[in-house]
Amino acid sequence: MAVNGILQNAGFIISGLSLIMNILACADRQWRRNDPGREVIETLVRSTGLWERCTFQATGHYQCDDYDSFFIGLPTLLTGARVFTCVSIVFGLFSLLIQVMGLDCVKIAEDQKATKSKMVVVAGFMSIFAGVLMCVGVSWFASEVFQNYYNPMRMQVNMGTGVGNSREQYQMEGNEQYIYGRALFIGWSSALIGIIGGVLSVCSSWGAMNEDGEYDNYQGAYPNTGYQTGNKNLDREYL
């Protein structure tokens, strides 16, 4: 039982850390950044986040610009990354709230052991699902950055014009080459941590549920008196 409690607390703490990192990655302005070594003016750093684009100067000054639309009309890459990241945060938040109710120190009912075990199971799977969603969103964004870095058409395409659908021109802006930003690494780390936290929670709850099942079977074998003789007459007297 002590081991289950340690796993449960560890899963709760790790899942909470994963949720915080998911929020930080979602709000970060640097999902990708230009490669200063390949720029004429190396002191300018341009970064792109899910919600705004920024230009940083060596003097410390910076300027950020929001996107013209919130959802409809955005590039597919940006829309997908927003959806996966936001849904991951929602699942992570609900997972954390359920795990709080499932902690042994929180009393919710008289016969709460089995109920809490089931709650922690659900919370653990939700944490794993949140981690998978975050990993998918970040990996999709990273794959597009990688492909466009070596895209031979990149220098022939300008923002909003040129080849293909204009919604996709977000991936190919002028002749700049973009590399991975810090938000991608935060997202990958949070996804891994969230999955680990969910696995720990599920493991702790499975053990507790097995113990509950054994206890219920024991009580069912010896109702009321806790003892059965095998003789119907004597057993009827005890009852």
Foldseek 3Di string as FASTA:
>chain_A
DVLLLVLLVLLLVLLVVLLVLLVCLQPDQAQKKFDLVPDPRSQWIWGHHLFWIKIAGVVGDMDIDGDPDDAPLAAPLSNLLNVLSVVLSVLSVVLNVLSVCLRPVHDDDDPCLLVSLVSLLSSLVSLLVSLVSLLVSLVSNQVLLVCLLPDPCLQVDAQQDDDDDNNNCVSRHHNTRMHGTVSSVSSNVSSVSSNSSSVSSNVSSVVSNVVVVVVVVQCVVQDPVSDDDPDPVVVVVVD
